[in-house]
Amino acid sequence: MDHIGFAVSSLGESILFWTEALGFMLQRQSEMGGDFLYRVTGVDDPNVRTAIVKSPDGFVVELLEYSRGRQNGATPDSAGAIGAAHLALVVKDIHAAIIRVEAAGWKAKGSPQPIPAGPRQGTLTAYVSGPDNITIEFMQPPVHR
């Protein structure tokens, strides 16, 4: 996999969420548009400001603020809505990760719960929501002794 991208309404707010709340590093920012981007994306008036953020283990996320911003629509606020997606991140301490997100001004959608059965039994998991209702799942694997 190369990267995952999210269309956002505010590049600045999203950069803060990914860097301050999730601990990613800002790699670079750029702007692009024109016929090339229209032909790639099919988006009318595809002027976009972008940022690349990278997790401590190297996973790349591209944030894209298109010129029409909120006019393009919004991500569903329910994790169960058709078209809703989430990105799962492995964390060492799920409670500390949630505290960090909430200290940065965003919120948990639920509380950490252990997966009751199957190959990930005992893994603690919880969803948090950032700007534009983008959902991140935290997963804390069990400690094996």
N, C-alpha and C. Protein backbone atom coordinates (compact mmCIF):
# COMPACT_ATOMS: atom_id res chain seq x y z
N MET A 1 0.85 -1.16 0.00
CA MET A 1 0.00 0.00 0.00
C MET A 1 0.90 1.23 0.00
N ASP A 2 0.49 2.27 -0.72
CA ASP A 2 1.27 3.49 -0.78
C ASP A 2 0.81 4.52 0.24
N HIS A 3 -0.49 4.85 0.25
CA HIS A 3 -1.02 5.83 1.19
C HIS A 3 -2.54 5.77 1.20
N ILE A 4 -3.15 6.49 2.13
CA ILE A 4 -4.59 6.70 2.14
C ILE A 4 -4.80 8.21 2.13
N GLY A 5 -5.86 8.66 1.45
CA GLY A 5 -6.14 10.08 1.38
C GLY A 5 -7.51 10.41 1.93
N PHE A 6 -7.63 11.58 2.55
CA PHE A 6 -8.90 12.07 3.06
C PHE A 6 -9.14 13.48 2.54
N ALA A 7 -10.31 13.73 1.94
CA ALA A 7 -10.71 15.09 1.59
C ALA A 7 -11.18 15.76 2.87
N VAL A 8 -10.69 16.97 3.13
CA VAL A 8 -10.99 17.68 4.37
C VAL A 8 -11.49 19.09 4.06
N SER A 9 -12.20 19.68 5.01
CA SER A 9 -12.71 21.03 4.80
C SER A 9 -11.70 22.10 5.22
N SER A 10 -10.80 21.77 6.13
CA SER A 10 -9.79 22.72 6.60
C SER A 10 -8.46 21.99 6.72
N LEU A 11 -7.53 22.30 5.85
CA LEU A 11 -6.23 21.65 5.89
C LEU A 11 -5.52 21.93 7.21
N GLY A 12 -5.58 23.17 7.66
CA GLY A 12 -4.91 23.54 8.91
C GLY A 12 -5.44 22.76 10.11
N GLU A 13 -6.76 22.68 10.23
CA GLU A 13 -7.36 21.94 11.35
C GLU A 13 -7.01 20.46 11.27
N SER A 14 -7.02 19.93 10.06
CA SER A 14 -6.70 18.51 9.89
C SER A 14 -5.23 18.21 10.20
N ILE A 15 -4.33 19.10 9.80
CA ILE A 15 -2.92 18.91 10.13
C ILE A 15 -2.75 18.88 11.64
N LEU A 16 -3.42 19.78 12.36
CA LEU A 16 -3.33 19.78 13.83
C LEU A 16 -3.82 18.46 14.41
N PHE A 17 -4.94 17.95 13.91
CA PHE A 17 -5.47 16.68 14.41
C PHE A 17 -4.46 15.55 14.21
N TRP A 18 -3.95 15.42 12.98
CA TRP A 18 -3.05 14.31 12.68
C TRP A 18 -1.71 14.45 13.40
N THR A 19 -1.22 15.67 13.60
CA THR A 19 0.08 15.84 14.26
C THR A 19 -0.05 15.92 15.78
N GLU A 20 -0.93 16.77 16.26
CA GLU A 20 -1.05 16.98 17.71
C GLU A 20 -1.80 15.84 18.40
N ALA A 21 -2.91 15.40 17.83
CA ALA A 21 -3.74 14.39 18.48
C ALA A 21 -3.29 12.97 18.19
N LEU A 22 -2.75 12.72 17.00
CA LEU A 22 -2.39 11.36 16.62
C LEU A 22 -0.89 11.10 16.56
N GLY A 23 -0.07 12.15 16.65
CA GLY A 23 1.37 11.96 16.69
C GLY A 23 2.05 11.72 15.35
N PHE A 24 1.37 12.04 14.24
CA PHE A 24 1.99 11.95 12.93
C PHE A 24 2.91 13.14 12.73
N MET A 25 3.83 13.03 11.78
CA MET A 25 4.75 14.13 11.45
C MET A 25 4.34 14.72 10.11
N LEU A 26 4.29 16.05 10.05
CA LEU A 26 4.01 16.72 8.79
C LEU A 26 5.25 16.60 7.90
N GLN A 27 5.08 16.01 6.71
CA GLN A 27 6.19 15.81 5.79
C GLN A 27 6.32 16.95 4.79
N ARG A 28 5.17 17.35 4.21
CA ARG A 28 5.20 18.44 3.24
C ARG A 28 3.78 18.90 2.93
N GLN A 29 3.71 20.11 2.35
CA GLN A 29 2.45 20.67 1.87
C GLN A 29 2.66 21.14 0.44
N SER A 30 1.58 21.12 -0.35
CA SER A 30 1.68 21.60 -1.72
C SER A 30 0.30 22.02 -2.21
N GLU A 31 0.29 22.58 -3.41
CA GLU A 31 -0.96 22.94 -4.09
C GLU A 31 -0.88 22.41 -5.51
N MET A 32 -2.03 22.01 -6.04
CA MET A 32 -2.08 21.56 -7.43
C MET A 32 -3.49 21.77 -7.96
N GLY A 33 -3.62 21.63 -9.26
CA GLY A 33 -4.93 21.80 -9.89
C GLY A 33 -4.80 21.70 -11.39
N GLY A 34 -5.83 22.19 -12.07
CA GLY A 34 -5.79 22.22 -13.52
C GLY A 34 -6.26 20.95 -14.19
N ASP A 35 -5.99 20.90 -15.49
CA ASP A 35 -6.49 19.82 -16.32
C ASP A 35 -6.00 18.44 -15.87
N PHE A 36 -4.73 18.35 -15.49
CA PHE A 36 -4.19 17.05 -15.04
C PHE A 36 -5.02 16.50 -13.88
N LEU A 37 -5.25 17.33 -12.86
CA LEU A 37 -5.98 16.85 -11.68
C LEU A 37 -7.43 16.53 -12.02
N TYR A 38 -8.04 17.33 -12.90
CA TYR A 38 -9.40 17.03 -13.33
C TYR A 38 -9.45 15.66 -14.00
N ARG A 39 -8.47 15.39 -14.87
CA ARG A 39 -8.45 14.10 -15.58
C ARG A 39 -8.20 12.93 -14.64
N VAL A 40 -7.46 13.15 -13.57
CA VAL A 40 -7.19 12.09 -12.60
C VAL A 40 -8.38 11.86 -11.68
N THR A 41 -8.97 12.94 -11.15
CA THR A 41 -9.99 12.82 -10.11
C THR A 41 -11.42 12.92 -10.60
N GLY A 42 -11.64 13.60 -11.73
CA GLY A 42 -13.00 13.84 -12.19
C GLY A 42 -13.71 14.94 -11.41
N VAL A 43 -12.98 15.62 -10.52
CA VAL A 43 -13.56 16.70 -9.70
C VAL A 43 -13.56 17.99 -10.52
N ASP A 44 -14.74 18.65 -10.59
CA ASP A 44 -14.82 19.95 -11.25
C ASP A 44 -14.05 20.97 -10.42
N ASP A 45 -13.35 21.88 -11.09
CA ASP A 45 -12.56 22.91 -10.41
C ASP A 45 -11.67 22.27 -9.35
N PRO A 46 -10.77 21.39 -9.78
CA PRO A 46 -10.03 20.56 -8.83
C PRO A 46 -8.80 21.21 -8.20
N ASN A 47 -8.86 22.50 -7.90
CA ASN A 47 -7.73 23.10 -7.19
C ASN A 47 -7.71 22.56 -5.77
N VAL A 48 -6.54 22.13 -5.33
CA VAL A 48 -6.46 21.46 -4.04
C VAL A 48 -5.15 21.83 -3.34
N ARG A 49 -5.27 22.02 -2.03
CA ARG A 49 -4.08 22.16 -1.17
C ARG A 49 -3.94 20.83 -0.46
N THR A 50 -2.70 20.34 -0.39
CA THR A 50 -2.49 19.02 0.20
C THR A 50 -1.42 19.06 1.28
N ALA A 51 -1.50 18.08 2.15
CA ALA A 51 -0.46 17.86 3.15
C ALA A 51 -0.24 16.36 3.25
N ILE A 52 1.01 15.99 3.42
CA ILE A 52 1.38 14.60 3.66
C ILE A 52 1.83 14.50 5.10
N VAL A 53 1.19 13.60 5.85
CA VAL A 53 1.59 13.34 7.24
C VAL A 53 1.98 11.87 7.33
N LYS A 54 2.94 11.57 8.19
CA LYS A 54 3.47 10.22 8.29
C LYS A 54 3.46 9.77 9.75
N SER A 55 3.01 8.52 9.96
CA SER A 55 3.00 7.95 11.30
C SER A 55 4.42 7.62 11.74
N PRO A 56 4.63 7.40 13.05
CA PRO A 56 5.96 7.05 13.52
C PRO A 56 6.54 5.79 12.85
N ASP A 57 5.66 4.88 12.40
CA ASP A 57 6.16 3.67 11.73
C ASP A 57 6.14 3.78 10.21
N GLY A 58 5.87 5.00 9.68
CA GLY A 58 6.02 5.24 8.26
C GLY A 58 4.77 5.22 7.41
N PHE A 59 3.59 4.99 7.99
CA PHE A 59 2.35 4.98 7.21
C PHE A 59 2.02 6.40 6.77
N VAL A 60 1.69 6.58 5.48
CA VAL A 60 1.47 7.90 4.90
C VAL A 60 -0.02 8.19 4.72
N VAL A 61 -0.42 9.38 5.16
CA VAL A 61 -1.78 9.87 4.97
C VAL A 61 -1.70 11.18 4.19
N GLU A 62 -2.51 11.29 3.14
CA GLU A 62 -2.60 12.52 2.35
C GLU A 62 -3.90 13.22 2.71
N LEU A 63 -3.79 14.49 3.08
CA LEU A 63 -4.95 15.32 3.40
C LEU A 63 -5.15 16.27 2.23
N LEU A 64 -6.39 16.38 1.73
CA LEU A 64 -6.67 17.18 0.54
C LEU A 64 -7.81 18.16 0.82
N GLU A 65 -7.52 19.45 0.71
CA GLU A 65 -8.55 20.48 0.86
C GLU A 65 -8.85 21.03 -0.53
N TYR A 66 -9.97 20.59 -1.12
CA TYR A 66 -10.37 21.07 -2.43
C TYR A 66 -10.92 22.49 -2.33
N SER A 67 -10.82 23.24 -3.41
CA SER A 67 -11.14 24.67 -3.40
C SER A 67 -12.58 24.97 -3.02
N ARG A 68 -13.47 24.04 -3.21
CA ARG A 68 -14.87 24.29 -2.85
C ARG A 68 -15.18 23.91 -1.41
N GLY A 69 -14.21 23.39 -0.70
CA GLY A 69 -14.37 23.10 0.73
C GLY A 69 -15.63 22.37 1.08
N ARG A 70 -16.37 22.91 2.05
CA ARG A 70 -17.58 22.25 2.57
C ARG A 70 -18.68 22.12 1.52
N GLN A 71 -18.62 22.88 0.43
CA GLN A 71 -19.62 22.77 -0.62
C GLN A 71 -19.65 21.39 -1.23
N ASN A 72 -18.55 20.66 -1.13
CA ASN A 72 -18.48 19.33 -1.72
C ASN A 72 -19.22 18.28 -0.89
N GLY A 73 -19.64 18.61 0.33
CA GLY A 73 -20.35 17.65 1.17
C GLY A 73 -19.56 17.33 2.41
N ALA A 74 -20.04 16.36 3.16
CA ALA A 74 -19.41 16.01 4.43
C ALA A 74 -19.40 14.50 4.62
N THR A 75 -18.46 14.05 5.43
CA THR A 75 -18.39 12.65 5.81
C THR A 75 -19.55 12.34 6.75
N PRO A 76 -20.20 11.18 6.61
CA PRO A 76 -21.28 10.83 7.54
C PRO A 76 -20.76 10.85 8.98
N ASP A 77 -21.62 11.29 9.93
CA ASP A 77 -21.17 11.34 11.32
C ASP A 77 -21.33 10.02 12.06
N SER A 78 -21.92 9.03 11.42
CA SER A 78 -22.08 7.72 12.03
C SER A 78 -21.13 6.72 11.36
N ALA A 79 -20.43 5.95 12.17
CA ALA A 79 -19.53 4.92 11.64
C ALA A 79 -20.31 3.87 10.87
N GLY A 80 -21.62 3.79 11.07
CA GLY A 80 -22.44 2.80 10.38
C GLY A 80 -23.08 3.31 9.11
N ALA A 81 -22.85 4.57 8.73
CA ALA A 81 -23.46 5.14 7.53
C ALA A 81 -22.82 4.54 6.28
N ILE A 82 -23.63 4.33 5.26
CA ILE A 82 -23.11 3.82 3.99
C ILE A 82 -22.05 4.81 3.49
N GLY A 83 -20.92 4.29 3.10
CA GLY A 83 -19.83 5.13 2.62
C GLY A 83 -18.86 5.57 3.70
N ALA A 84 -19.24 5.38 4.95
CA ALA A 84 -18.33 5.74 6.04
C ALA A 84 -17.14 4.78 6.02
N ALA A 85 -15.98 5.30 6.35
CA ALA A 85 -14.77 4.49 6.40
C ALA A 85 -14.01 4.84 7.67
N HIS A 86 -13.06 4.00 8.03
CA HIS A 86 -12.20 4.33 9.16
C HIS A 86 -10.80 3.79 8.90
N LEU A 87 -9.86 4.37 9.61
CA LEU A 87 -8.47 3.93 9.55
C LEU A 87 -8.12 3.40 10.93
N ALA A 88 -7.59 2.18 11.01
CA ALA A 88 -7.23 1.58 12.28
C ALA A 88 -5.74 1.78 12.55
N LEU A 89 -5.44 2.28 13.75
CA LEU A 89 -4.06 2.50 14.18
C LEU A 89 -3.78 1.65 15.41
N VAL A 90 -2.65 0.96 15.43
CA VAL A 90 -2.23 0.19 16.60
C VAL A 90 -1.59 1.16 17.58
N VAL A 91 -2.02 1.10 18.84
CA VAL A 91 -1.47 1.95 19.89
C VAL A 91 -0.98 1.09 21.05
N LYS A 92 -0.02 1.59 21.80
CA LYS A 92 0.48 0.87 22.98
C LYS A 92 -0.43 1.05 24.17
N ASP A 93 -1.05 2.25 24.30
CA ASP A 93 -1.91 2.57 25.44
C ASP A 93 -3.14 3.29 24.92
N ILE A 94 -4.24 2.57 24.78
CA ILE A 94 -5.45 3.12 24.18
C ILE A 94 -6.02 4.27 25.01
N HIS A 95 -5.92 4.16 26.34
CA HIS A 95 -6.45 5.22 27.20
C HIS A 95 -5.64 6.51 27.03
N ALA A 96 -4.33 6.40 26.95
CA ALA A 96 -3.48 7.58 26.73
C ALA A 96 -3.76 8.18 25.35
N ALA A 97 -3.99 7.33 24.34
CA ALA A 97 -4.28 7.83 22.99
C ALA A 97 -5.58 8.62 22.98
N ILE A 98 -6.60 8.13 23.68
CA ILE A 98 -7.88 8.84 23.76
C ILE A 98 -7.72 10.15 24.52
N ILE A 99 -6.96 10.14 25.61
CA ILE A 99 -6.72 11.37 26.37
C ILE A 99 -6.04 12.41 25.48
N ARG A 100 -5.09 11.97 24.68
CA ARG A 100 -4.38 12.89 23.77
C ARG A 100 -5.33 13.49 22.74
N VAL A 101 -6.21 12.68 22.17
CA VAL A 101 -7.19 13.16 21.20
C VAL A 101 -8.14 14.17 21.86
N GLU A 102 -8.63 13.83 23.03
CA GLU A 102 -9.56 14.72 23.72
C GLU A 102 -8.88 16.01 24.17
N ALA A 103 -7.63 15.94 24.57
CA ALA A 103 -6.88 17.15 24.97
C ALA A 103 -6.69 18.07 23.78
N ALA A 104 -6.67 17.50 22.57
CA ALA A 104 -6.51 18.30 21.36
C ALA A 104 -7.86 18.84 20.86
N GLY A 105 -8.96 18.52 21.56
CA GLY A 105 -10.25 19.09 21.22
C GLY A 105 -11.20 18.20 20.45
N TRP A 106 -10.85 16.93 20.24
CA TRP A 106 -11.74 16.02 19.54
C TRP A 106 -12.26 14.99 20.54
N LYS A 107 -12.97 13.96 20.10
CA LYS A 107 -13.64 13.09 21.06
C LYS A 107 -13.63 11.62 20.67
N ALA A 108 -13.80 10.81 21.70
CA ALA A 108 -14.00 9.38 21.48
C ALA A 108 -15.47 9.16 21.13
N LYS A 109 -15.73 8.21 20.24
CA LYS A 109 -17.12 7.90 19.88
C LYS A 109 -17.71 6.88 20.85
N GLY A 110 -16.84 6.15 21.52
CA GLY A 110 -17.28 5.15 22.47
C GLY A 110 -16.18 4.95 23.48
N SER A 111 -16.24 3.84 24.20
CA SER A 111 -15.19 3.55 25.18
C SER A 111 -14.44 2.29 24.77
N PRO A 112 -13.18 2.17 25.17
CA PRO A 112 -12.40 0.98 24.80
C PRO A 112 -13.06 -0.31 25.28
N GLN A 113 -13.14 -1.27 24.37
CA GLN A 113 -13.74 -2.56 24.68
C GLN A 113 -12.83 -3.66 24.16
N PRO A 114 -12.71 -4.77 24.91
CA PRO A 114 -11.92 -5.90 24.41
C PRO A 114 -12.71 -6.69 23.36
N ILE A 115 -12.03 -7.10 22.30
CA ILE A 115 -12.67 -7.97 21.30
C ILE A 115 -12.91 -9.31 21.99
N PRO A 116 -14.16 -9.79 22.00
CA PRO A 116 -14.49 -10.95 22.82
C PRO A 116 -14.04 -12.30 22.31
N ALA A 117 -13.81 -12.45 20.99
CA ALA A 117 -13.46 -13.77 20.46
C ALA A 117 -12.70 -13.62 19.16
N GLY A 118 -12.17 -14.72 18.68
CA GLY A 118 -11.50 -14.73 17.39
C GLY A 118 -10.02 -14.45 17.49
N PRO A 119 -9.37 -14.24 16.33
CA PRO A 119 -7.92 -14.10 16.32
C PRO A 119 -7.40 -12.85 17.04
N ARG A 120 -8.26 -11.87 17.24
CA ARG A 120 -7.84 -10.64 17.94
C ARG A 120 -8.46 -10.55 19.34
N GLN A 121 -8.87 -11.67 19.88
CA GLN A 121 -9.49 -11.70 21.20
C GLN A 121 -8.60 -10.97 22.21
N GLY A 122 -9.22 -10.10 23.00
CA GLY A 122 -8.50 -9.37 24.03
C GLY A 122 -7.94 -8.04 23.57
N THR A 123 -7.91 -7.79 22.27
CA THR A 123 -7.45 -6.49 21.77
C THR A 123 -8.45 -5.43 22.16
N LEU A 124 -7.97 -4.37 22.80
CA LEU A 124 -8.86 -3.25 23.14
C LEU A 124 -9.05 -2.40 21.90
N THR A 125 -10.28 -1.96 21.66
CA THR A 125 -10.56 -1.15 20.48
C THR A 125 -11.56 -0.06 20.81
N ALA A 126 -11.40 1.10 20.17
CA ALA A 126 -12.31 2.23 20.33
C ALA A 126 -12.18 3.14 19.13
N TYR A 127 -13.28 3.80 18.78
CA TYR A 127 -13.29 4.77 17.69
C TYR A 127 -13.17 6.18 18.27
N VAL A 128 -12.44 7.04 17.56
CA VAL A 128 -12.40 8.47 17.87
C VAL A 128 -12.74 9.20 16.58
N SER A 129 -13.20 10.43 16.74
CA SER A 129 -13.60 11.22 15.59
C SER A 129 -12.79 12.51 15.55
N GLY A 130 -12.31 12.84 14.37
CA GLY A 130 -11.54 14.06 14.18
C GLY A 130 -12.32 15.04 13.31
N PRO A 131 -11.62 16.01 12.74
CA PRO A 131 -12.29 16.98 11.88
C PRO A 131 -13.02 16.28 10.74
N ASP A 132 -14.16 16.85 10.34
CA ASP A 132 -14.97 16.33 9.23
C ASP A 132 -15.50 14.92 9.51
N ASN A 133 -15.59 14.55 10.76
CA ASN A 133 -16.10 13.23 11.18
C ASN A 133 -15.26 12.07 10.67
N ILE A 134 -14.00 12.32 10.37
CA ILE A 134 -13.12 11.22 9.96
C ILE A 134 -12.89 10.33 11.18
N THR A 135 -13.14 9.05 11.01
CA THR A 135 -13.07 8.10 12.12
C THR A 135 -11.75 7.35 12.12
N ILE A 136 -11.13 7.33 13.29
CA ILE A 136 -9.91 6.57 13.52
C ILE A 136 -10.23 5.51 14.58
N GLU A 137 -9.83 4.28 14.32
CA GLU A 137 -9.98 3.21 15.29
C GLU A 137 -8.63 2.98 15.96
N PHE A 138 -8.62 3.02 17.28
CA PHE A 138 -7.42 2.67 18.03
C PHE A 138 -7.54 1.19 18.40
N MET A 139 -6.42 0.47 18.26
CA MET A 139 -6.39 -0.95 18.62
C MET A 139 -5.16 -1.18 19.48
N GLN A 140 -5.39 -1.68 20.69
CA GLN A 140 -4.30 -2.00 21.61
C GLN A 140 -4.26 -3.51 21.78
N PRO A 141 -3.27 -4.17 21.17
CA PRO A 141 -3.18 -5.62 21.30
C PRO A 141 -2.95 -6.03 22.75
N PRO A 142 -3.41 -7.22 23.10
CA PRO A 142 -3.19 -7.68 24.47
C PRO A 142 -1.71 -7.96 24.71
N VAL A 143 -1.33 -7.84 25.96
CA VAL A 143 0.06 -8.16 26.35
C VAL A 143 0.12 -9.67 26.59
N HIS A 144 0.99 -10.34 25.85
CA HIS A 144 1.13 -11.80 26.02
C HIS A 144 2.27 -12.07 27.00
N ARG A 145 2.02 -12.92 27.92
CA ARG A 145 3.03 -13.24 28.95
C ARG A 145 3.60 -14.59 28.74
